[in-house]
Amino acid sequence: MIIWGGDTGNMNNPNPVKTGGIYDPVADKWSPISTTDAPDARELHTAVWTGSKMIVWGGFDPIGVTALNTGGAYDPDTDTWSPISMTDAPDARELHTAVWTGSKMIVW
């Protein structure tokens, strides 16, 4: 299981994070993932698993008080992030849904 992003604060004192971890159920252990080149901190985003990478997109920046239309792809084999294209990206949004079709991420 891989997790990333979210908020450790509350409505009156938001604290969006750009950190995450990988959980190994066999070892019952968490390991941090790299933050180098990770997307900006956000909450209320979506993440999908492609079979080899986790794609994070959209969400909300409570500090800048704005919805986001950016994201990144995380490769757990190399512990690296890659930016994803913003060309023709959907409008910024939060609390949306996304699925992986086997070859594409669909956001709505």
PDB file of N, CA and C in Angstrom:
ATOM      1  N   MET A   1       0.849  -1.165   0.000  1.00  0.00           N
ATOM      2  CA  MET A   1       0.000   0.000   0.000  1.00  0.00           C
ATOM      3  C   MET A   1       0.896   1.230   0.000  1.00  0.00           C
ATOM      4  N   ILE A   2       0.570   2.202  -0.848  1.00  0.00           N
ATOM      5  CA  ILE A   2       1.303   3.469  -0.903  1.00  0.00           C
ATOM      6  C   ILE A   2       0.320   4.586  -0.587  1.00  0.00           C
ATOM      7  N   ILE A   3       0.708   5.477   0.314  1.00  0.00           N
ATOM      8  CA  ILE A   3      -0.113   6.656   0.580  1.00  0.00           C
ATOM      9  C   ILE A   3       0.729   7.897   0.316  1.00  0.00           C
ATOM     10  N   TRP A   4       0.051   8.991   0.004  1.00  0.00           N
ATOM     11  CA  TRP A   4       0.758  10.254  -0.236  1.00  0.00           C
ATOM     12  C   TRP A   4      -0.216  11.407  -0.069  1.00  0.00           C
ATOM     13  N   GLY A   5       0.295  12.508   0.494  1.00  0.00           N
ATOM     14  CA  GLY A   5      -0.469  13.735   0.607  1.00  0.00           C
ATOM     15  C   GLY A   5      -1.478  13.710   1.732  1.00  0.00           C
ATOM     16  N   GLY A   6      -2.354  14.698   1.724  1.00  0.00           N
ATOM     17  CA  GLY A   6      -3.367  14.841   2.758  1.00  0.00           C
ATOM     18  C   GLY A   6      -3.106  16.073   3.597  1.00  0.00           C
ATOM     19  N   ASP A   7      -3.676  16.086   4.783  1.00  0.00           N
ATOM     20  CA  ASP A   7      -3.582  17.253   5.655  1.00  0.00           C
ATOM     21  C   ASP A   7      -3.524  16.773   7.097  1.00  0.00           C
ATOM     22  N   THR A   8      -2.547  17.240   7.841  1.00  0.00           N
ATOM     23  CA  THR A   8      -2.416  16.856   9.251  1.00  0.00           C
ATOM     24  C   THR A   8      -2.983  17.913  10.185  1.00  0.00           C
ATOM     25  N   GLY A   9      -3.551  18.982   9.635  1.00  0.00           N
ATOM     26  CA  GLY A   9      -4.118  20.055  10.447  1.00  0.00           C
ATOM     27  C   GLY A   9      -5.626  19.916  10.576  1.00  0.00           C
ATOM     28  N   ASN A  10      -6.286  21.065  10.693  1.00  0.00           N
ATOM     29  CA  ASN A  10      -7.743  21.085  10.758  1.00  0.00           C
ATOM     30  C   ASN A  10      -8.247  22.290   9.965  1.00  0.00           C
ATOM     31  N   MET A  11      -9.557  22.511   9.961  1.00  0.00           N
ATOM     32  CA  MET A  11     -10.129  23.592   9.148  1.00  0.00           C
ATOM     33  C   MET A  11      -9.587  24.960   9.546  1.00  0.00           C
ATOM     34  N   ASN A  12      -9.317  25.160  10.826  1.00  0.00           N
ATOM     35  CA  ASN A  12      -8.830  26.451  11.297  1.00  0.00           C
ATOM     36  C   ASN A  12      -7.317  26.598  11.176  1.00  0.00           C
ATOM     37  N   ASN A  13      -6.621  25.501  11.043  1.00  0.00           N
ATOM     38  CA  ASN A  13      -5.165  25.517  10.977  1.00  0.00           C
ATOM     39  C   ASN A  13      -4.698  24.432  10.011  1.00  0.00           C
ATOM     40  N   PRO A  14      -4.896  24.620   8.689  1.00  0.00           N
ATOM     41  CA  PRO A  14      -4.539  23.579   7.723  1.00  0.00           C
ATOM     42  C   PRO A  14      -3.032  23.345   7.657  1.00  0.00           C
ATOM     43  N   ASN A  15      -2.683  22.111   7.385  1.00  0.00           N
ATOM     44  CA  ASN A  15      -1.273  21.739   7.235  1.00  0.00           C
ATOM     45  C   ASN A  15      -1.163  20.663   6.152  1.00  0.00           C
ATOM     46  N   PRO A  16      -1.291  21.065   4.861  1.00  0.00           N
ATOM     47  CA  PRO A  16      -1.184  20.071   3.793  1.00  0.00           C
ATOM     48  C   PRO A  16       0.238  19.515   3.734  1.00  0.00           C
ATOM     49  N   VAL A  17       0.333  18.231   3.389  1.00  0.00           N
ATOM     50  CA  VAL A  17       1.644  17.586   3.366  1.00  0.00           C
ATOM     51  C   VAL A  17       1.961  17.039   1.982  1.00  0.00           C
ATOM     52  N   LYS A  18       3.249  16.936   1.688  1.00  0.00           N
ATOM     53  CA  LYS A  18       3.710  16.295   0.449  1.00  0.00           C
ATOM     54  C   LYS A  18       4.653  15.165   0.822  1.00  0.00           C
ATOM     55  N   THR A  19       4.181  14.350   1.748  1.00  0.00           N
ATOM     56  CA  THR A  19       4.931  13.189   2.200  1.00  0.00           C
ATOM     57  C   THR A  19       4.055  11.955   2.039  1.00  0.00           C
ATOM     58  N   GLY A  20       4.664  10.804   2.191  1.00  0.00           N
ATOM     59  CA  GLY A  20       3.910   9.563   2.094  1.00  0.00           C
ATOM     60  C   GLY A  20       4.733   8.390   2.555  1.00  0.00           C
ATOM     61  N   GLY A  21       4.166   7.221   2.390  1.00  0.00           N
ATOM     62  CA  GLY A  21       4.851   6.023   2.826  1.00  0.00           C
ATOM     63  C   GLY A  21       4.352   4.791   2.105  1.00  0.00           C
ATOM     64  N   ILE A  22       5.134   3.736   2.227  1.00  0.00           N
ATOM     65  CA  ILE A  22       4.791   2.424   1.689  1.00  0.00           C
ATOM     66  C   ILE A  22       4.666   1.473   2.868  1.00  0.00           C
ATOM     67  N   TYR A  23       3.555   0.740   2.913  1.00  0.00           N
ATOM     68  CA  TYR A  23       3.343  -0.227   3.976  1.00  0.00           C
ATOM     69  C   TYR A  23       3.610  -1.624   3.455  1.00  0.00           C
ATOM     70  N   ASP A  24       4.444  -2.374   4.162  1.00  0.00           N
ATOM     71  CA  ASP A  24       4.750  -3.764   3.844  1.00  0.00           C
ATOM     72  C   ASP A  24       4.016  -4.631   4.865  1.00  0.00           C
ATOM     73  N   PRO A  25       2.920  -5.310   4.460  1.00  0.00           N
ATOM     74  CA  PRO A  25       2.155  -6.091   5.430  1.00  0.00           C
ATOM     75  C   PRO A  25       2.883  -7.337   5.938  1.00  0.00           C
ATOM     76  N   VAL A  26       3.802  -7.883   5.158  1.00  0.00           N
ATOM     77  CA  VAL A  26       4.557  -9.056   5.604  1.00  0.00           C
ATOM     78  C   VAL A  26       5.476  -8.676   6.762  1.00  0.00           C
ATOM     79  N   ALA A  27       6.194  -7.553   6.607  1.00  0.00           N
ATOM     80  CA  ALA A  27       7.100  -7.087   7.666  1.00  0.00           C
ATOM     81  C   ALA A  27       6.373  -6.227   8.700  1.00  0.00           C
ATOM     82  N   ASP A  28       5.107  -5.862   8.420  1.00  0.00           N
ATOM     83  CA  ASP A  28       4.337  -4.951   9.275  1.00  0.00           C
ATOM     84  C   ASP A  28       5.151  -3.693   9.554  1.00  0.00           C
ATOM     85  N   LYS A  29       5.620  -3.072   8.445  1.00  0.00           N
ATOM     86  CA  LYS A  29       6.528  -1.931   8.557  1.00  0.00           C
ATOM     87  C   LYS A  29       6.191  -0.869   7.511  1.00  0.00           C
ATOM     88  N   TRP A  30       6.299   0.396   7.913  1.00  0.00           N
ATOM     89  CA  TRP A  30       6.158   1.540   7.015  1.00  0.00           C
ATOM     90  C   TRP A  30       7.530   2.055   6.626  1.00  0.00           C
ATOM     91  N   SER A  31       7.675   2.488   5.375  1.00  0.00           N
ATOM     92  CA  SER A  31       8.893   3.133   4.903  1.00  0.00           C
ATOM     93  C   SER A  31       8.501   4.442   4.218  1.00  0.00           C
ATOM     94  N   PRO A  32       9.231   5.536   4.479  1.00  0.00           N
ATOM     95  CA  PRO A  32       8.905   6.798   3.813  1.00  0.00           C
ATOM     96  C   PRO A  32       9.235   6.726   2.326  1.00  0.00           C
ATOM     97  N   ILE A  33       8.530   7.547   1.525  1.00  0.00           N
ATOM     98  CA  ILE A  33       8.860   7.644   0.106  1.00  0.00           C
ATOM     99  C   ILE A  33       9.524   8.996  -0.148  1.00  0.00           C
ATOM    100  N   SER A  34      10.248   9.078  -1.232  1.00  0.00           N
ATOM    101  CA  SER A  34      10.965  10.298  -1.587  1.00  0.00           C
ATOM    102  C   SER A  34       9.994  11.462  -1.778  1.00  0.00           C
ATOM    103  N   THR A  35      10.449  12.651  -1.403  1.00  0.00           N
ATOM    104  CA  THR A  35       9.687  13.871  -1.679  1.00  0.00           C
ATOM    105  C   THR A  35      10.349  14.691  -2.788  1.00  0.00           C
ATOM    106  N   THR A  36      11.508  14.247  -3.275  1.00  0.00           N
ATOM    107  CA  THR A  36      12.192  14.942  -4.357  1.00  0.00           C
ATOM    108  C   THR A  36      11.325  14.924  -5.611  1.00  0.00           C
ATOM    109  N   ASP A  37      11.039  16.086  -6.149  1.00  0.00           N
ATOM    110  CA  ASP A  37      10.217  16.258  -7.347  1.00  0.00           C
ATOM    111  C   ASP A  37       8.764  15.824  -7.166  1.00  0.00           C
ATOM    112  N   ALA A  38       8.330  15.607  -5.918  1.00  0.00           N
ATOM    113  CA  ALA A  38       6.927  15.245  -5.659  1.00  0.00           C
ATOM    114  C   ALA A  38       6.031  16.443  -5.970  1.00  0.00           C
ATOM    115  N   PRO A  39       4.765  16.201  -6.283  1.00  0.00           N
ATOM    116  CA  PRO A  39       3.842  17.315  -6.508  1.00  0.00           C
ATOM    117  C   PRO A  39       3.727  18.185  -5.252  1.00  0.00           C
ATOM    118  N   ASP A  40       3.221  19.397  -5.432  1.00  0.00           N
ATOM    119  CA  ASP A  40       2.996  20.277  -4.288  1.00  0.00           C
ATOM    120  C   ASP A  40       2.048  19.616  -3.299  1.00  0.00           C
ATOM    121  N   ALA A  41       2.160  20.028  -2.025  1.00  0.00           N
ATOM    122  CA  ALA A  41       1.284  19.512  -0.979  1.00  0.00           C
ATOM    123  C   ALA A  41      -0.168  19.761  -1.359  1.00  0.00           C
ATOM    124  N   ARG A  42      -1.032  18.809  -1.003  1.00  0.00           N
ATOM    125  CA  ARG A  42      -2.442  18.926  -1.347  1.00  0.00           C
ATOM    126  C   ARG A  42      -3.274  17.969  -0.512  1.00  0.00           C
ATOM    127  N   GLU A  43      -4.546  18.221  -0.531  1.00  0.00           N
ATOM    128  CA  GLU A  43      -5.528  17.336   0.077  1.00  0.00           C
ATOM    129  C   GLU A  43      -6.689  17.186  -0.907  1.00  0.00           C
ATOM    130  N   LEU A  44      -7.567  16.224  -0.651  1.00  0.00           N
ATOM    131  CA  LEU A  44      -8.768  16.020  -1.469  1.00  0.00           C
ATOM    132  C   LEU A  44      -8.443  15.705  -2.930  1.00  0.00           C
ATOM    133  N   HIS A  45      -7.298  15.058  -3.176  1.00  0.00           N
ATOM    134  CA  HIS A  45      -6.842  14.679  -4.508  1.00  0.00           C
ATOM    135  C   HIS A  45      -7.237  13.229  -4.802  1.00  0.00           C
ATOM    136  N   THR A  46      -6.902  12.766  -5.986  1.00  0.00           N
ATOM    137  CA  THR A  46      -7.074  11.357  -6.311  1.00  0.00           C
ATOM    138  C   THR A  46      -5.715  10.737  -6.589  1.00  0.00           C
ATOM    139  N   ALA A  47      -5.669   9.429  -6.408  1.00  0.00           N
ATOM    140  CA  ALA A  47      -4.481   8.647  -6.738  1.00  0.00           C
ATOM    141  C   ALA A  47      -4.957   7.329  -7.337  1.00  0.00           C
ATOM    142  N   VAL A  48      -4.300   6.900  -8.411  1.00  0.00           N
ATOM    143  CA  VAL A  48      -4.610   5.611  -9.024  1.00  0.00           C
ATOM    144  C   VAL A  48      -3.321   4.806  -9.153  1.00  0.00           C
ATOM    145  N   TRP A  49      -3.461   3.497  -9.166  1.00  0.00           N
ATOM    146  CA  TRP A  49      -2.337   2.588  -9.336  1.00  0.00           C
ATOM    147  C   TRP A  49      -2.385   2.027 -10.749  1.00  0.00           C
ATOM    148  N   THR A  50      -1.274   2.169 -11.484  1.00  0.00           N
ATOM    149  CA  THR A  50      -1.223   1.723 -12.876  1.00  0.00           C
ATOM    150  C   THR A  50      -0.771   0.276 -13.028  1.00  0.00           C
ATOM    151  N   GLY A  51      -0.310  -0.290 -11.940  1.00  0.00           N
ATOM    152  CA  GLY A  51       0.307  -1.611 -11.996  1.00  0.00           C
ATOM    153  C   GLY A  51       1.792  -1.503 -11.742  1.00  0.00           C
ATOM    154  N   SER A  52       2.344  -0.298 -11.962  1.00  0.00           N
ATOM    155  CA  SER A  52       3.763  -0.067 -11.678  1.00  0.00           C
ATOM    156  C   SER A  52       4.028   1.311 -11.076  1.00  0.00           C
ATOM    157  N   LYS A  53       3.078   2.242 -11.216  1.00  0.00           N
ATOM    158  CA  LYS A  53       3.257   3.598 -10.674  1.00  0.00           C
ATOM    159  C   LYS A  53       1.961   4.075 -10.030  1.00  0.00           C
ATOM    160  N   MET A  54       2.118   5.014  -9.091  1.00  0.00           N
ATOM    161  CA  MET A  54       0.974   5.691  -8.506  1.00  0.00           C
ATOM    162  C   MET A  54       0.898   7.074  -9.143  1.00  0.00           C
ATOM    163  N   ILE A  55      -0.262   7.414  -9.700  1.00  0.00           N
ATOM    164  CA  ILE A  55      -0.458   8.743 -10.277  1.00  0.00           C
ATOM    165  C   ILE A  55      -1.349   9.541  -9.334  1.00  0.00           C
ATOM    166  N   VAL A  56      -0.868  10.721  -8.944  1.00  0.00           N
ATOM    167  CA  VAL A  56      -1.597  11.644  -8.078  1.00  0.00           C
ATOM    168  C   VAL A  56      -1.991  12.839  -8.925  1.00  0.00           C
ATOM    169  N   TRP A  57      -3.260  13.282  -8.798  1.00  0.00           N
ATOM    170  CA  TRP A  57      -3.691  14.428  -9.594  1.00  0.00           C
ATOM    171  C   TRP A  57      -4.766  15.213  -8.858  1.00  0.00           C
ATOM    172  N   GLY A  58      -4.764  16.539  -9.119  1.00  0.00           N
ATOM    173  CA  GLY A  58      -5.806  17.424  -8.610  1.00  0.00           C
ATOM    174  C   GLY A  58      -5.735  17.620  -7.109  1.00  0.00           C
ATOM    175  N   GLY A  59      -6.842  18.063  -6.541  1.00  0.00           N
ATOM    176  CA  GLY A  59      -6.930  18.280  -5.117  1.00  0.00           C
ATOM    177  C   GLY A  59      -7.042  19.748  -4.767  1.00  0.00           C
ATOM    178  N   PHE A  60      -6.731  20.051  -3.528  1.00  0.00           N
ATOM    179  CA  PHE A  60      -6.931  21.393  -2.990  1.00  0.00           C
ATOM    180  C   PHE A  60      -5.732  21.809  -2.169  1.00  0.00           C
ATOM    181  N   ASP A  61      -5.294  23.043  -2.362  1.00  0.00           N
ATOM    182  CA  ASP A  61      -4.235  23.648  -1.552  1.00  0.00           C
ATOM    183  C   ASP A  61      -4.918  24.572  -0.544  1.00  0.00           C
ATOM    184  N   PRO A  62      -5.044  24.155   0.750  1.00  0.00           N
ATOM    185  CA  PRO A  62      -5.754  24.982   1.720  1.00  0.00           C
ATOM    186  C   PRO A  62      -4.983  26.238   2.131  1.00  0.00           C
ATOM    187  N   ILE A  63      -3.680  26.270   1.894  1.00  0.00           N
ATOM    188  CA  ILE A  63      -2.895  27.458   2.219  1.00  0.00           C
ATOM    189  C   ILE A  63      -3.125  28.531   1.147  1.00  0.00           C
ATOM    190  N   GLY A  64      -3.048  28.151  -0.118  1.00  0.00           N
ATOM    191  CA  GLY A  64      -3.300  29.080  -1.215  1.00  0.00           C
ATOM    192  C   GLY A  64      -4.781  29.206  -1.533  1.00  0.00           C
ATOM    193  N   VAL A  65      -5.593  28.401  -0.884  1.00  0.00           N
ATOM    194  CA  VAL A  65      -7.047  28.362  -1.054  1.00  0.00           C
ATOM    195  C   VAL A  65      -7.409  28.258  -2.538  1.00  0.00           C
ATOM    196  N   THR A  66      -6.898  27.200  -3.152  1.00  0.00           N
ATOM    197  CA  THR A  66      -7.160  27.010  -4.581  1.00  0.00           C
ATOM    198  C   THR A  66      -7.205  25.526  -4.932  1.00  0.00           C
ATOM    199  N   ALA A  67      -8.056  25.186  -5.897  1.00  0.00           N
ATOM    200  CA  ALA A  67      -8.083  23.835  -6.448  1.00  0.00           C
ATOM    201  C   ALA A  67      -6.874  23.677  -7.376  1.00  0.00           C
ATOM    202  N   LEU A  68      -6.456  22.443  -7.597  1.00  0.00           N
ATOM    203  CA  LEU A  68      -5.242  22.168  -8.370  1.00  0.00           C
ATOM    204  C   LEU A  68      -5.550  21.310  -9.599  1.00  0.00           C
ATOM    205  N   ASN A  69      -4.775  21.500 -10.660  1.00  0.00           N
ATOM    206  CA  ASN A  69      -4.868  20.616 -11.830  1.00  0.00           C
ATOM    207  C   ASN A  69      -3.470  20.126 -12.209  1.00  0.00           C
ATOM    208  N   THR A  70      -2.691  19.812 -11.199  1.00  0.00           N
ATOM    209  CA  THR A  70      -1.324  19.315 -11.384  1.00  0.00           C
ATOM    210  C   THR A  70      -1.211  17.954 -10.695  1.00  0.00           C
ATOM    211  N   GLY A  71      -0.101  17.300 -10.920  1.00  0.00           N
ATOM    212  CA  GLY A  71       0.112  16.012 -10.275  1.00  0.00           C
ATOM    213  C   GLY A  71       1.473  15.452 -10.589  1.00  0.00           C
ATOM    214  N   GLY A  72       1.629  14.170 -10.307  1.00  0.00           N
ATOM    215  CA  GLY A  72       2.891  13.497 -10.548  1.00  0.00           C
ATOM    216  C   GLY A  72       2.701  11.995 -10.545  1.00  0.00           C
ATOM    217  N   ALA A  73       3.718  11.303 -11.022  1.00  0.00           N
ATOM    218  CA  ALA A  73       3.719   9.842 -11.050  1.00  0.00           C
ATOM    219  C   ALA A  73       4.862   9.344 -10.171  1.00  0.00           C
ATOM    220  N   TYR A  74       4.547   8.443  -9.246  1.00  0.00           N
ATOM    221  CA  TYR A  74       5.545   7.896  -8.329  1.00  0.00           C
ATOM    222  C   TYR A  74       5.863   6.463  -8.718  1.00  0.00           C
ATOM    223  N   ASP A  75       7.163   6.161  -8.843  1.00  0.00           N
ATOM    224  CA  ASP A  75       7.645   4.824  -9.171  1.00  0.00           C
ATOM    225  C   ASP A  75       8.273   4.222  -7.916  1.00  0.00           C
ATOM    226  N   PRO A  76       7.617   3.242  -7.279  1.00  0.00           N
ATOM    227  CA  PRO A  76       8.169   2.681  -6.047  1.00  0.00           C
ATOM    228  C   PRO A  76       9.441   1.855  -6.264  1.00  0.00           C
ATOM    229  N   ASP A  77       9.651   1.363  -7.484  1.00  0.00           N
ATOM    230  CA  ASP A  77      10.867   0.581  -7.753  1.00  0.00           C
ATOM    231  C   ASP A  77      12.119   1.446  -7.693  1.00  0.00           C
ATOM    232  N   THR A  78      11.996   2.719  -8.097  1.00  0.00           N
ATOM    233  CA  THR A  78      13.149   3.621  -8.091  1.00  0.00           C
ATOM    234  C   THR A  78      13.024   4.717  -7.033  1.00  0.00           C
ATOM    235  N   ASP A  79      11.876   4.750  -6.323  1.00  0.00           N
ATOM    236  CA  ASP A  79      11.593   5.773  -5.310  1.00  0.00           C
ATOM    237  C   ASP A  79      11.756   7.172  -5.904  1.00  0.00           C
ATOM    238  N   THR A  80      11.153   7.365  -7.100  1.00  0.00           N
ATOM    239  CA  THR A  80      11.263   8.661  -7.782  1.00  0.00           C
ATOM    240  C   THR A  80       9.896   9.143  -8.246  1.00  0.00           C
ATOM    241  N   TRP A  81       9.783  10.476  -8.338  1.00  0.00           N
ATOM    242  CA  TRP A  81       8.595  11.141  -8.865  1.00  0.00           C
ATOM    243  C   TRP A  81       8.914  11.714 -10.240  1.00  0.00           C
ATOM    244  N   SER A  82       7.923  11.700 -11.132  1.00  0.00           N
ATOM    245  CA  SER A  82       8.020  12.342 -12.437  1.00  0.00           C
ATOM    246  C   SER A  82       6.805  13.245 -12.601  1.00  0.00           C
ATOM    247  N   PRO A  83       7.000  14.439 -13.180  1.00  0.00           N
ATOM    248  CA  PRO A  83       5.834  15.303 -13.422  1.00  0.00           C
ATOM    249  C   PRO A  83       4.951  14.691 -14.495  1.00  0.00           C
ATOM    250  N   ILE A  84       3.672  15.033 -14.457  1.00  0.00           N
ATOM    251  CA  ILE A  84       2.780  14.621 -15.542  1.00  0.00           C
ATOM    252  C   ILE A  84       2.399  15.865 -16.332  1.00  0.00           C
ATOM    253  N   SER A  85       2.092  15.679 -17.587  1.00  0.00           N
ATOM    254  CA  SER A  85       1.814  16.795 -18.486  1.00  0.00           C
ATOM    255  C   SER A  85       0.612  17.606 -18.025  1.00  0.00           C
ATOM    256  N   MET A  86       0.708  18.926 -18.213  1.00  0.00           N
ATOM    257  CA  MET A  86      -0.423  19.817 -17.956  1.00  0.00           C
ATOM    258  C   MET A  86      -1.118  20.196 -19.262  1.00  0.00           C
ATOM    259  N   THR A  87      -0.579  19.748 -20.388  1.00  0.00           N
ATOM    260  CA  THR A  87      -1.180  20.049 -21.688  1.00  0.00           C
ATOM    261  C   THR A  87      -2.577  19.454 -21.748  1.00  0.00           C
ATOM    262  N   ASP A  88      -3.565  20.303 -21.980  1.00  0.00           N
ATOM    263  CA  ASP A  88      -4.969  19.904 -22.076  1.00  0.00           C
ATOM    264  C   ASP A  88      -5.503  19.233 -20.805  1.00  0.00           C
ATOM    265  N   ALA A  89      -4.865  19.505 -19.662  1.00  0.00           N
ATOM    266  CA  ALA A  89      -5.334  18.926 -18.396  1.00  0.00           C
ATOM    267  C   ALA A  89      -6.738  19.450 -18.086  1.00  0.00           C
ATOM    268  N   PRO A  90      -7.546  18.647 -17.393  1.00  0.00           N
ATOM    269  CA  PRO A  90      -8.875  19.127 -16.988  1.00  0.00           C
ATOM    270  C   PRO A  90      -8.752  20.353 -16.086  1.00  0.00           C
ATOM    271  N   ASP A  91      -9.861  21.067 -15.942  1.00  0.00           N
ATOM    272  CA  ASP A  91      -9.888  22.191 -15.009  1.00  0.00           C
ATOM    273  C   ASP A  91      -9.518  21.704 -13.610  1.00  0.00           C
ATOM    274  N   ALA A  92      -8.941  22.605 -12.831  1.00  0.00           N
ATOM    275  CA  ALA A  92      -8.587  22.289 -11.451  1.00  0.00           C
ATOM    276  C   ALA A  92      -9.828  21.829 -10.697  1.00  0.00           C
ATOM    277  N   ARG A  93      -9.632  20.850  -9.800  1.00  0.00           N
ATOM    278  CA  ARG A  93     -10.763  20.354  -9.028  1.00  0.00           C
ATOM    279  C   ARG A  93     -10.304  19.618  -7.785  1.00  0.00           C
ATOM    280  N   GLU A  94     -11.242  19.466  -6.871  1.00  0.00           N
ATOM    281  CA  GLU A  94     -11.044  18.727  -5.629  1.00  0.00           C
ATOM    282  C   GLU A  94     -12.259  17.833  -5.419  1.00  0.00           C
ATOM    283  N   LEU A  95     -12.105  16.851  -4.556  1.00  0.00           N
ATOM    284  CA  LEU A  95     -13.202  15.922  -4.253  1.00  0.00           C
ATOM    285  C   LEU A  95     -13.768  15.262  -5.508  1.00  0.00           C
ATOM    286  N   HIS A  96     -12.909  15.024  -6.486  1.00  0.00           N
ATOM    287  CA  HIS A  96     -13.310  14.374  -7.723  1.00  0.00           C
ATOM    288  C   HIS A  96     -13.058  12.868  -7.612  1.00  0.00           C
ATOM    289  N   THR A  97     -13.317  12.167  -8.678  1.00  0.00           N
ATOM    290  CA  THR A  97     -13.098  10.728  -8.729  1.00  0.00           C
ATOM    291  C   THR A  97     -12.178  10.424  -9.901  1.00  0.00           C
ATOM    292  N   ALA A  98     -11.381   9.389  -9.762  1.00  0.00           N
ATOM    293  CA  ALA A  98     -10.519   8.947 -10.857  1.00  0.00           C
ATOM    294  C   ALA A  98     -10.431   7.423 -10.838  1.00  0.00           C
ATOM    295  N   VAL A  99     -10.290   6.841 -12.021  1.00  0.00           N
ATOM    296  CA  VAL A  99     -10.101   5.399 -12.154  1.00  0.00           C
ATOM    297  C   VAL A  99      -8.979   5.139 -13.152  1.00  0.00           C
ATOM    298  N   TRP A 100      -8.385   3.971 -13.067  1.00  0.00           N
ATOM    299  CA  TRP A 100      -7.382   3.515 -14.018  1.00  0.00           C
ATOM    300  C   TRP A 100      -8.041   2.458 -14.894  1.00  0.00           C
ATOM    301  N   THR A 101      -8.008   2.651 -16.214  1.00  0.00           N
ATOM    302  CA  THR A 101      -8.669   1.731 -17.140  1.00  0.00           C
ATOM    303  C   THR A 101      -7.791   0.547 -17.534  1.00  0.00           C
ATOM    304  N   GLY A 102      -6.541   0.611 -17.194  1.00  0.00           N
ATOM    305  CA  GLY A 102      -5.563  -0.362 -17.667  1.00  0.00           C
ATOM    306  C   GLY A 102      -4.544   0.304 -18.565  1.00  0.00           C
ATOM    307  N   SER A 103      -4.927   1.499 -19.100  1.00  0.00           N
ATOM    308  CA  SER A 103      -3.993   2.249 -19.930  1.00  0.00           C
ATOM    309  C   SER A 103      -4.132   3.766 -19.763  1.00  0.00           C
ATOM    310  N   LYS A 104      -5.221   4.212 -19.137  1.00  0.00           N
ATOM    311  CA  LYS A 104      -5.453   5.650 -18.982  1.00  0.00           C
ATOM    312  C   LYS A 104      -6.086   5.945 -17.627  1.00  0.00           C
ATOM    313  N   MET A 105      -5.806   7.162 -17.113  1.00  0.00           N
ATOM    314  CA  MET A 105      -6.462   7.645 -15.915  1.00  0.00           C
ATOM    315  C   MET A 105      -7.635   8.517 -16.370  1.00  0.00           C
ATOM    316  N   ILE A 106      -8.822   8.216 -15.894  1.00  0.00           N
ATOM    317  CA  ILE A 106     -10.004   9.002 -16.212  1.00  0.00           C
ATOM    318  C   ILE A 106     -10.416   9.750 -14.960  1.00  0.00           C
ATOM    319  N   VAL A 107     -10.562  11.078 -15.100  1.00  0.00           N
ATOM    320  CA  VAL A 107     -10.944  11.951 -13.988  1.00  0.00           C
ATOM    321  C   VAL A 107     -12.318  12.527 -14.289  1.00  0.00           C
ATOM    322  N   TRP A 108     -13.195  12.503 -13.295  1.00  0.00           N
ATOM    323  CA  TRP A 108     -14.485  13.184 -13.442  1.00  0.00           C
ATOM    324  C   TRP A 108     -15.017  13.606 -12.100  1.00  0.00           C
TER     325      TRP A 108
END
